[in-house]
Amino acid sequence: MINSHNLLIVSALFLLAAVAALAFRAQQRRGYGPTVVGLAASLAILIGKFYLESAATMYAAVGILIAASIWNSWPIGPAPACPRCAVSDELVKERGL
């Protein structure tokens, strides 16, 4: 049986991995907004579970962490249909056509 102290450590490590995944290449995706929200949600999960012992706080924070993950993975804009289209779109913008 795992005790409360070990569960805190294991939970913190997994939440740290989740926040690290949000922070990985954040500049190329949505910036650091999802990372900050994910970090706050992770702290709320730990506080809700181990300090306040509030299931409602913990589950709300889990929902926020999931929302931050979806926000981070949401596409920024429409992708070009093909690599040639991307190049031709850039040329059109450069030439002001």
PDB file of N, CA and C in Angstrom:
ATOM      1  N   MET A   1       0.844  -1.188   0.000  1.00  0.00           N
ATOM      2  CA  MET A   1       0.000   0.000   0.000  1.00  0.00           C
ATOM      3  C   MET A   1       0.885   1.247   0.000  1.00  0.00           C
ATOM      4  N   ILE A   2       0.522   2.215  -0.795  1.00  0.00           N
ATOM      5  CA  ILE A   2       1.293   3.448  -0.884  1.00  0.00           C
ATOM      6  C   ILE A   2       0.772   4.434   0.169  1.00  0.00           C
ATOM      7  N   ASN A   3       1.707   5.076   0.857  1.00  0.00           N
ATOM      8  CA  ASN A   3       1.270   6.043   1.866  1.00  0.00           C
ATOM      9  C   ASN A   3       1.080   7.423   1.239  1.00  0.00           C
ATOM     10  N   SER A   4       0.547   8.345   2.024  1.00  0.00           N
ATOM     11  CA  SER A   4       0.189   9.671   1.523  1.00  0.00           C
ATOM     12  C   SER A   4       1.407  10.458   1.044  1.00  0.00           C
ATOM     13  N   HIS A   5       2.520  10.325   1.749  1.00  0.00           N
ATOM     14  CA  HIS A   5       3.731  11.062   1.376  1.00  0.00           C
ATOM     15  C   HIS A   5       4.249  10.593   0.014  1.00  0.00           C
ATOM     16  N   ASN A   6       4.295   9.290  -0.193  1.00  0.00           N
ATOM     17  CA  ASN A   6       4.761   8.769  -1.489  1.00  0.00           C
ATOM     18  C   ASN A   6       3.793   9.113  -2.615  1.00  0.00           C
ATOM     19  N   LEU A   7       2.489   9.117  -2.314  1.00  0.00           N
ATOM     20  CA  LEU A   7       1.500   9.485  -3.324  1.00  0.00           C
ATOM     21  C   LEU A   7       1.669  10.946  -3.730  1.00  0.00           C
ATOM     22  N   LEU A   8       2.002  11.806  -2.777  1.00  0.00           N
ATOM     23  CA  LEU A   8       2.260  13.213  -3.084  1.00  0.00           C
ATOM     24  C   LEU A   8       3.447  13.351  -4.038  1.00  0.00           C
ATOM     25  N   ILE A   9       4.502  12.625  -3.776  1.00  0.00           N
ATOM     26  CA  ILE A   9       5.700  12.698  -4.618  1.00  0.00           C
ATOM     27  C   ILE A   9       5.408  12.180  -6.029  1.00  0.00           C
ATOM     28  N   VAL A  10       4.741  11.045  -6.120  1.00  0.00           N
ATOM     29  CA  VAL A  10       4.424  10.468  -7.432  1.00  0.00           C
ATOM     30  C   VAL A  10       3.486  11.387  -8.208  1.00  0.00           C
ATOM     31  N   SER A  11       2.481  11.926  -7.532  1.00  0.00           N
ATOM     32  CA  SER A  11       1.544  12.852  -8.187  1.00  0.00           C
ATOM     33  C   SER A  11       2.267  14.098  -8.680  1.00  0.00           C
ATOM     34  N   ALA A  12       3.142  14.646  -7.859  1.00  0.00           N
ATOM     35  CA  ALA A  12       3.889  15.843  -8.248  1.00  0.00           C
ATOM     36  C   ALA A  12       4.781  15.558  -9.455  1.00  0.00           C
ATOM     37  N   LEU A  13       5.389  14.405  -9.505  1.00  0.00           N
ATOM     38  CA  LEU A  13       6.240  14.060 -10.645  1.00  0.00           C
ATOM     39  C   LEU A  13       5.431  13.941 -11.943  1.00  0.00           C
ATOM     40  N   PHE A  14       4.270  13.301 -11.864  1.00  0.00           N
ATOM     41  CA  PHE A  14       3.440  13.178 -13.066  1.00  0.00           C
ATOM     42  C   PHE A  14       2.890  14.531 -13.510  1.00  0.00           C
ATOM     43  N   LEU A  15       2.509  15.366 -12.557  1.00  0.00           N
ATOM     44  CA  LEU A  15       2.031  16.704 -12.920  1.00  0.00           C
ATOM     45  C   LEU A  15       3.161  17.551 -13.493  1.00  0.00           C
ATOM     46  N   LEU A  16       4.363  17.378 -12.973  1.00  0.00           N
ATOM     47  CA  LEU A  16       5.520  18.078 -13.533  1.00  0.00           C
ATOM     48  C   LEU A  16       5.766  17.651 -14.975  1.00  0.00           C
ATOM     49  N   ALA A  17       5.597  16.368 -15.255  1.00  0.00           N
ATOM     50  CA  ALA A  17       5.743  15.884 -16.633  1.00  0.00           C
ATOM     51  C   ALA A  17       4.675  16.491 -17.542  1.00  0.00           C
ATOM     52  N   ALA A  18       3.452  16.635 -17.033  1.00  0.00           N
ATOM     53  CA  ALA A  18       2.378  17.239 -17.831  1.00  0.00           C
ATOM     54  C   ALA A  18       2.676  18.701 -18.137  1.00  0.00           C
ATOM     55  N   VAL A  19       3.164  19.444 -17.145  1.00  0.00           N
ATOM     56  CA  VAL A  19       3.497  20.853 -17.357  1.00  0.00           C
ATOM     57  C   VAL A  19       4.701  20.981 -18.286  1.00  0.00           C
ATOM     58  N   ALA A  20       5.665  20.077 -18.162  1.00  0.00           N
ATOM     59  CA  ALA A  20       6.822  20.096 -19.067  1.00  0.00           C
ATOM     60  C   ALA A  20       6.386  19.848 -20.506  1.00  0.00           C
ATOM     61  N   ALA A  21       5.401  18.967 -20.698  1.00  0.00           N
ATOM     62  CA  ALA A  21       4.882  18.727 -22.049  1.00  0.00           C
ATOM     63  C   ALA A  21       4.189  19.974 -22.596  1.00  0.00           C
ATOM     64  N   LEU A  22       3.512  20.728 -21.734  1.00  0.00           N
ATOM     65  CA  LEU A  22       2.894  21.974 -22.180  1.00  0.00           C
ATOM     66  C   LEU A  22       3.951  23.021 -22.528  1.00  0.00           C
ATOM     67  N   ALA A  23       5.058  23.011 -21.810  1.00  0.00           N
ATOM     68  CA  ALA A  23       6.108  24.010 -22.027  1.00  0.00           C
ATOM     69  C   ALA A  23       7.007  23.675 -23.213  1.00  0.00           C
ATOM     70  N   PHE A  24       7.051  22.407 -23.607  1.00  0.00           N
ATOM     71  CA  PHE A  24       7.927  21.984 -24.694  1.00  0.00           C
ATOM     72  C   PHE A  24       7.497  22.655 -25.993  1.00  0.00           C
ATOM     73  N   ARG A  25       8.393  23.417 -26.595  1.00  0.00           N
ATOM     74  CA  ARG A  25       8.156  24.152 -27.842  1.00  0.00           C
ATOM     75  C   ARG A  25       6.920  25.054 -27.768  1.00  0.00           C
ATOM     76  N   ALA A  26       6.739  25.701 -26.635  1.00  0.00           N
ATOM     77  CA  ALA A  26       5.562  26.556 -26.442  1.00  0.00           C
ATOM     78  C   ALA A  26       5.540  27.727 -27.415  1.00  0.00           C
ATOM     79  N   GLN A  27       6.704  28.257 -27.770  1.00  0.00           N
ATOM     80  CA  GLN A  27       6.755  29.400 -28.688  1.00  0.00           C
ATOM     81  C   GLN A  27       6.223  29.054 -30.068  1.00  0.00           C
ATOM     82  N   GLN A  28       6.400  27.818 -30.516  1.00  0.00           N
ATOM     83  CA  GLN A  28       5.938  27.431 -31.847  1.00  0.00           C
ATOM     84  C   GLN A  28       4.432  27.156 -31.867  1.00  0.00           C
ATOM     85  N   ARG A  29       3.823  26.983 -30.710  1.00  0.00           N
ATOM     86  CA  ARG A  29       2.392  26.667 -30.686  1.00  0.00           C
ATOM     87  C   ARG A  29       1.598  27.858 -30.163  1.00  0.00           C
ATOM     88  N   ARG A  30       1.158  27.837 -28.970  1.00  0.00           N
ATOM     89  CA  ARG A  30       0.256  28.849 -28.422  1.00  0.00           C
ATOM     90  C   ARG A  30       0.924  29.799 -27.442  1.00  0.00           C
ATOM     91  N   GLY A  31       2.235  29.761 -27.319  1.00  0.00           N
ATOM     92  CA  GLY A  31       2.906  30.600 -26.337  1.00  0.00           C
ATOM     93  C   GLY A  31       2.886  29.952 -24.963  1.00  0.00           C
ATOM     94  N   TYR A  32       3.130  30.763 -23.951  1.00  0.00           N
ATOM     95  CA  TYR A  32       3.245  30.221 -22.601  1.00  0.00           C
ATOM     96  C   TYR A  32       1.947  30.285 -21.804  1.00  0.00           C
ATOM     97  N   GLY A  33       0.864  30.748 -22.405  1.00  0.00           N
ATOM     98  CA  GLY A  33      -0.428  30.794 -21.715  1.00  0.00           C
ATOM     99  C   GLY A  33      -0.892  29.432 -21.222  1.00  0.00           C
ATOM    100  N   PRO A  34      -0.943  28.415 -22.086  1.00  0.00           N
ATOM    101  CA  PRO A  34      -1.358  27.093 -21.620  1.00  0.00           C
ATOM    102  C   PRO A  34      -0.427  26.520 -20.543  1.00  0.00           C
ATOM    103  N   THR A  35       0.857  26.850 -20.623  1.00  0.00           N
ATOM    104  CA  THR A  35       1.798  26.354 -19.618  1.00  0.00           C
ATOM    105  C   THR A  35       1.505  26.965 -18.254  1.00  0.00           C
ATOM    106  N   VAL A  36       1.246  28.260 -18.224  1.00  0.00           N
ATOM    107  CA  VAL A  36       0.949  28.933 -16.957  1.00  0.00           C
ATOM    108  C   VAL A  36      -0.362  28.410 -16.373  1.00  0.00           C
ATOM    109  N   VAL A  37      -1.372  28.238 -17.221  1.00  0.00           N
ATOM    110  CA  VAL A  37      -2.648  27.695 -16.756  1.00  0.00           C
ATOM    111  C   VAL A  37      -2.454  26.260 -16.249  1.00  0.00           C
ATOM    112  N   GLY A  38      -1.672  25.470 -16.965  1.00  0.00           N
ATOM    113  CA  GLY A  38      -1.401  24.094 -16.541  1.00  0.00           C
ATOM    114  C   GLY A  38      -0.642  24.030 -15.234  1.00  0.00           C
ATOM    115  N   LEU A  39       0.308  24.942 -15.043  1.00  0.00           N
ATOM    116  CA  LEU A  39       1.054  24.989 -13.780  1.00  0.00           C
ATOM    117  C   LEU A  39       0.132  25.355 -12.625  1.00  0.00           C
ATOM    118  N   ALA A  40      -0.733  26.343 -12.827  1.00  0.00           N
ATOM    119  CA  ALA A  40      -1.686  26.728 -11.784  1.00  0.00           C
ATOM    120  C   ALA A  40      -2.647  25.580 -11.471  1.00  0.00           C
ATOM    121  N   ALA A  41      -3.107  24.891 -12.503  1.00  0.00           N
ATOM    122  CA  ALA A  41      -4.009  23.758 -12.295  1.00  0.00           C
ATOM    123  C   ALA A  41      -3.304  22.623 -11.560  1.00  0.00           C
ATOM    124  N   SER A  42      -2.038  22.393 -11.866  1.00  0.00           N
ATOM    125  CA  SER A  42      -1.285  21.343 -11.183  1.00  0.00           C
ATOM    126  C   SER A  42      -1.124  21.655  -9.704  1.00  0.00           C
ATOM    127  N   LEU A  43      -0.819  22.904  -9.409  1.00  0.00           N
ATOM    128  CA  LEU A  43      -0.720  23.307  -8.002  1.00  0.00           C
ATOM    129  C   LEU A  43      -2.067  23.163  -7.298  1.00  0.00           C
ATOM    130  N   ALA A  44      -3.145  23.526  -7.983  1.00  0.00           N
ATOM    131  CA  ALA A  44      -4.477  23.383  -7.397  1.00  0.00           C
ATOM    132  C   ALA A  44      -4.833  21.913  -7.166  1.00  0.00           C
ATOM    133  N   ILE A  45      -4.392  21.043  -8.049  1.00  0.00           N
ATOM    134  CA  ILE A  45      -4.631  19.607  -7.856  1.00  0.00           C
ATOM    135  C   ILE A  45      -3.937  19.133  -6.586  1.00  0.00           C
ATOM    136  N   LEU A  46      -2.673  19.497  -6.437  1.00  0.00           N
ATOM    137  CA  LEU A  46      -1.925  19.058  -5.249  1.00  0.00           C
ATOM    138  C   LEU A  46      -2.515  19.647  -3.964  1.00  0.00           C
ATOM    139  N   ILE A  47      -2.863  20.924  -4.002  1.00  0.00           N
ATOM    140  CA  ILE A  47      -3.435  21.558  -2.804  1.00  0.00           C
ATOM    141  C   ILE A  47      -4.809  20.970  -2.494  1.00  0.00           C
ATOM    142  N   GLY A  48      -5.635  20.794  -3.536  1.00  0.00           N
ATOM    143  CA  GLY A  48      -6.969  20.238  -3.322  1.00  0.00           C
ATOM    144  C   GLY A  48      -6.948  18.816  -2.815  1.00  0.00           C
ATOM    145  N   LYS A  49      -5.997  18.039  -3.272  1.00  0.00           N
ATOM    146  CA  LYS A  49      -5.928  16.624  -2.865  1.00  0.00           C
ATOM    147  C   LYS A  49      -5.267  16.432  -1.507  1.00  0.00           C
ATOM    148  N   PHE A  50      -4.137  17.103  -1.287  1.00  0.00           N
ATOM    149  CA  PHE A  50      -3.330  16.773  -0.110  1.00  0.00           C
ATOM    150  C   PHE A  50      -3.443  17.781   1.032  1.00  0.00           C
ATOM    151  N   TYR A  51      -3.831  19.023   0.757  1.00  0.00           N
ATOM    152  CA  TYR A  51      -3.916  20.013   1.831  1.00  0.00           C
ATOM    153  C   TYR A  51      -5.366  20.252   2.241  1.00  0.00           C
ATOM    154  N   LEU A  52      -6.212  20.586   1.274  1.00  0.00           N
ATOM    155  CA  LEU A  52      -7.612  20.861   1.574  1.00  0.00           C
ATOM    156  C   LEU A  52      -8.455  19.591   1.664  1.00  0.00           C
ATOM    157  N   GLU A  53      -7.987  18.527   1.045  1.00  0.00           N
ATOM    158  CA  GLU A  53      -8.723  17.265   0.943  1.00  0.00           C
ATOM    159  C   GLU A  53     -10.115  17.507   0.367  1.00  0.00           C
ATOM    160  N   SER A  54     -10.151  18.286  -0.715  1.00  0.00           N
ATOM    161  CA  SER A  54     -11.399  18.662  -1.366  1.00  0.00           C
ATOM    162  C   SER A  54     -11.453  18.020  -2.747  1.00  0.00           C
ATOM    163  N   ALA A  55     -12.377  17.097  -2.906  1.00  0.00           N
ATOM    164  CA  ALA A  55     -12.526  16.428  -4.194  1.00  0.00           C
ATOM    165  C   ALA A  55     -12.990  17.410  -5.268  1.00  0.00           C
ATOM    166  N   ALA A  56     -13.850  18.345  -4.891  1.00  0.00           N
ATOM    167  CA  ALA A  56     -14.355  19.314  -5.867  1.00  0.00           C
ATOM    168  C   ALA A  56     -13.224  20.182  -6.414  1.00  0.00           C
ATOM    169  N   THR A  57     -12.347  20.641  -5.539  1.00  0.00           N
ATOM    170  CA  THR A  57     -11.209  21.455  -5.973  1.00  0.00           C
ATOM    171  C   THR A  57     -10.300  20.655  -6.884  1.00  0.00           C
ATOM    172  N   MET A  58     -10.025  19.434  -6.483  1.00  0.00           N
ATOM    173  CA  MET A  58      -9.123  18.598  -7.269  1.00  0.00           C
ATOM    174  C   MET A  58      -9.693  18.314  -8.655  1.00  0.00           C
ATOM    175  N   TYR A  59     -10.969  17.937  -8.733  1.00  0.00           N
ATOM    176  CA  TYR A  59     -11.562  17.606 -10.029  1.00  0.00           C
ATOM    177  C   TYR A  59     -11.722  18.839 -10.913  1.00  0.00           C
ATOM    178  N   ALA A  60     -12.026  19.982 -10.316  1.00  0.00           N
ATOM    179  CA  ALA A  60     -12.099  21.216 -11.107  1.00  0.00           C
ATOM    180  C   ALA A  60     -10.728  21.541 -11.695  1.00  0.00           C
ATOM    181  N   ALA A  61      -9.681  21.364 -10.897  1.00  0.00           N
ATOM    182  CA  ALA A  61      -8.322  21.625 -11.378  1.00  0.00           C
ATOM    183  C   ALA A  61      -7.914  20.634 -12.458  1.00  0.00           C
ATOM    184  N   VAL A  62      -8.341  19.393 -12.346  1.00  0.00           N
ATOM    185  CA  VAL A  62      -8.068  18.407 -13.400  1.00  0.00           C
ATOM    186  C   VAL A  62      -8.740  18.842 -14.698  1.00  0.00           C
ATOM    187  N   GLY A  63      -9.973  19.336 -14.599  1.00  0.00           N
ATOM    188  CA  GLY A  63     -10.660  19.838 -15.786  1.00  0.00           C
ATOM    189  C   GLY A  63      -9.934  21.015 -16.415  1.00  0.00           C
ATOM    190  N   ILE A  64      -9.390  21.897 -15.583  1.00  0.00           N
ATOM    191  CA  ILE A  64      -8.635  23.041 -16.095  1.00  0.00           C
ATOM    192  C   ILE A  64      -7.343  22.572 -16.762  1.00  0.00           C
ATOM    193  N   LEU A  65      -6.681  21.579 -16.188  1.00  0.00           N
ATOM    194  CA  LEU A  65      -5.462  21.036 -16.794  1.00  0.00           C
ATOM    195  C   LEU A  65      -5.770  20.402 -18.153  1.00  0.00           C
ATOM    196  N   ILE A  66      -6.890  19.710 -18.254  1.00  0.00           N
ATOM    197  CA  ILE A  66      -7.294  19.130 -19.536  1.00  0.00           C
ATOM    198  C   ILE A  66      -7.597  20.236 -20.543  1.00  0.00           C
ATOM    199  N   ALA A  67      -8.273  21.291 -20.090  1.00  0.00           N
ATOM    200  CA  ALA A  67      -8.574  22.416 -20.978  1.00  0.00           C
ATOM    201  C   ALA A  67      -7.295  23.090 -21.466  1.00  0.00           C
ATOM    202  N   ALA A  68      -6.296  23.226 -20.594  1.00  0.00           N
ATOM    203  CA  ALA A  68      -5.012  23.809 -21.006  1.00  0.00           C
ATOM    204  C   ALA A  68      -4.329  22.927 -22.045  1.00  0.00           C
ATOM    205  N   SER A  69      -4.440  21.618 -21.894  1.00  0.00           N
ATOM    206  CA  SER A  69      -3.844  20.700 -22.873  1.00  0.00           C
ATOM    207  C   SER A  69      -4.537  20.806 -24.223  1.00  0.00           C
ATOM    208  N   ILE A  70      -5.861  20.928 -24.214  1.00  0.00           N
ATOM    209  CA  ILE A  70      -6.602  21.084 -25.468  1.00  0.00           C
ATOM    210  C   ILE A  70      -6.255  22.423 -26.106  1.00  0.00           C
ATOM    211  N   TRP A  71      -6.192  23.477 -25.294  1.00  0.00           N
ATOM    212  CA  TRP A  71      -5.822  24.805 -25.794  1.00  0.00           C
ATOM    213  C   TRP A  71      -4.447  24.755 -26.457  1.00  0.00           C
ATOM    214  N   ASN A  72      -3.506  24.061 -25.832  1.00  0.00           N
ATOM    215  CA  ASN A  72      -2.148  23.967 -26.354  1.00  0.00           C
ATOM    216  C   ASN A  72      -2.085  23.193 -27.666  1.00  0.00           C
ATOM    217  N   SER A  73      -2.945  22.216 -27.829  1.00  0.00           N
ATOM    218  CA  SER A  73      -2.881  21.383 -29.025  1.00  0.00           C
ATOM    219  C   SER A  73      -3.799  21.862 -30.138  1.00  0.00           C
ATOM    220  N   TRP A  74      -4.625  22.859 -29.875  1.00  0.00           N
ATOM    221  CA  TRP A  74      -5.550  23.374 -30.888  1.00  0.00           C
ATOM    222  C   TRP A  74      -4.763  24.012 -32.029  1.00  0.00           C
ATOM    223  N   PRO A  75      -5.104  23.734 -33.271  1.00  0.00           N
ATOM    224  CA  PRO A  75      -4.356  24.310 -34.390  1.00  0.00           C
ATOM    225  C   PRO A  75      -4.443  25.841 -34.398  1.00  0.00           C
ATOM    226  N   ILE A  76      -3.354  26.486 -34.797  1.00  0.00           N
ATOM    227  CA  ILE A  76      -3.302  27.945 -34.814  1.00  0.00           C
ATOM    228  C   ILE A  76      -4.123  28.509 -35.961  1.00  0.00           C
ATOM    229  N   GLY A  77      -4.001  27.970 -37.119  1.00  0.00           N
ATOM    230  CA  GLY A  77      -4.745  28.461 -38.275  1.00  0.00           C
ATOM    231  C   GLY A  77      -4.833  27.384 -39.315  1.00  0.00           C
ATOM    232  N   PRO A  78      -5.480  27.691 -40.417  1.00  0.00           N
ATOM    233  CA  PRO A  78      -5.578  26.668 -41.456  1.00  0.00           C
ATOM    234  C   PRO A  78      -4.206  26.374 -42.062  1.00  0.00           C
ATOM    235  N   ALA A  79      -3.928  25.108 -42.190  1.00  0.00           N
ATOM    236  CA  ALA A  79      -2.660  24.688 -42.785  1.00  0.00           C
ATOM    237  C   ALA A  79      -2.778  24.757 -44.301  1.00  0.00           C
ATOM    238  N   PRO A  80      -1.686  25.077 -44.988  1.00  0.00           N
ATOM    239  CA  PRO A  80      -1.742  25.081 -46.449  1.00  0.00           C
ATOM    240  C   PRO A  80      -1.977  23.666 -46.968  1.00  0.00           C
ATOM    241  N   ALA A  81      -2.593  23.603 -48.124  1.00  0.00           N
ATOM    242  CA  ALA A  81      -2.944  22.304 -48.699  1.00  0.00           C
ATOM    243  C   ALA A  81      -1.699  21.502 -49.079  1.00  0.00           C
ATOM    244  N   CYS A  82      -0.655  22.183 -49.533  1.00  0.00           N
ATOM    245  CA  CYS A  82       0.563  21.492 -49.930  1.00  0.00           C
ATOM    246  C   CYS A  82       1.745  22.437 -49.747  1.00  0.00           C
ATOM    247  N   PRO A  83       2.963  21.917 -49.726  1.00  0.00           N
ATOM    248  CA  PRO A  83       4.130  22.788 -49.566  1.00  0.00           C
ATOM    249  C   PRO A  83       4.260  23.847 -50.663  1.00  0.00           C
ATOM    250  N   ARG A  84       3.892  23.500 -51.889  1.00  0.00           N
ATOM    251  CA  ARG A  84       3.962  24.485 -52.974  1.00  0.00           C
ATOM    252  C   ARG A  84       2.993  25.636 -52.733  1.00  0.00           C
ATOM    253  N   CYS A  85       1.821  25.311 -52.176  1.00  0.00           N
ATOM    254  CA  CYS A  85       0.828  26.353 -51.891  1.00  0.00           C
ATOM    255  C   CYS A  85       1.362  27.319 -50.844  1.00  0.00           C
ATOM    256  N   ALA A  86       2.069  26.803 -49.851  1.00  0.00           N
ATOM    257  CA  ALA A  86       2.623  27.658 -48.803  1.00  0.00           C
ATOM    258  C   ALA A  86       3.636  28.626 -49.394  1.00  0.00           C
ATOM    259  N   VAL A  87       4.470  28.140 -50.294  1.00  0.00           N
ATOM    260  CA  VAL A  87       5.474  28.999 -50.923  1.00  0.00           C
ATOM    261  C   VAL A  87       4.797  30.040 -51.799  1.00  0.00           C
ATOM    262  N   SER A  88       3.791  29.643 -52.577  1.00  0.00           N
ATOM    263  CA  SER A  88       3.122  30.600 -53.455  1.00  0.00           C
ATOM    264  C   SER A  88       2.342  31.634 -52.643  1.00  0.00           C
ATOM    265  N   ASP A  89       1.775  31.256 -51.501  1.00  0.00           N
ATOM    266  CA  ASP A  89       1.085  32.209 -50.640  1.00  0.00           C
ATOM    267  C   ASP A  89       2.062  33.246 -50.105  1.00  0.00           C
ATOM    268  N   GLU A  90       3.273  32.819 -49.744  1.00  0.00           N
ATOM    269  CA  GLU A  90       4.279  33.747 -49.252  1.00  0.00           C
ATOM    270  C   GLU A  90       4.707  34.711 -50.351  1.00  0.00           C
ATOM    271  N   LEU A  91       4.838  34.212 -51.589  1.00  0.00           N
ATOM    272  CA  LEU A  91       5.215  35.080 -52.700  1.00  0.00           C
ATOM    273  C   LEU A  91       4.129  36.117 -52.976  1.00  0.00           C
ATOM    274  N   VAL A  92       2.871  35.700 -52.870  1.00  0.00           N
ATOM    275  CA  VAL A  92       1.774  36.629 -53.094  1.00  0.00           C
ATOM    276  C   VAL A  92       1.807  37.742 -52.045  1.00  0.00           C
ATOM    277  N   LYS A  93       2.059  37.384 -50.809  1.00  0.00           N
ATOM    278  CA  LYS A  93       2.126  38.392 -49.746  1.00  0.00           C
ATOM    279  C   LYS A  93       3.309  39.338 -49.948  1.00  0.00           C
ATOM    280  N   GLU A  94       4.450  38.776 -50.352  1.00  0.00           N
ATOM    281  CA  GLU A  94       5.631  39.605 -50.570  1.00  0.00           C
ATOM    282  C   GLU A  94       5.415  40.606 -51.695  1.00  0.00           C
ATOM    283  N   ARG A  95       4.803  40.185 -52.752  1.00  0.00           N
ATOM    284  CA  ARG A  95       4.631  41.029 -53.936  1.00  0.00           C
ATOM    285  C   ARG A  95       3.378  41.902 -53.862  1.00  0.00           C
ATOM    286  N   GLY A  96       2.567  41.677 -52.816  1.00  0.00           N
ATOM    287  CA  GLY A  96       1.367  42.484 -52.642  1.00  0.00           C
ATOM    288  C   GLY A  96       0.296  42.225 -53.690  1.00  0.00           C
ATOM    289  N   LEU A  97       0.236  40.996 -54.162  1.00  0.00           N
ATOM    290  CA  LEU A  97      -0.759  40.662 -55.196  1.00  0.00           C
ATOM    291  C   LEU A  97      -2.066  40.243 -54.580  1.00  0.00           C
TER     292      LEU A  97
END
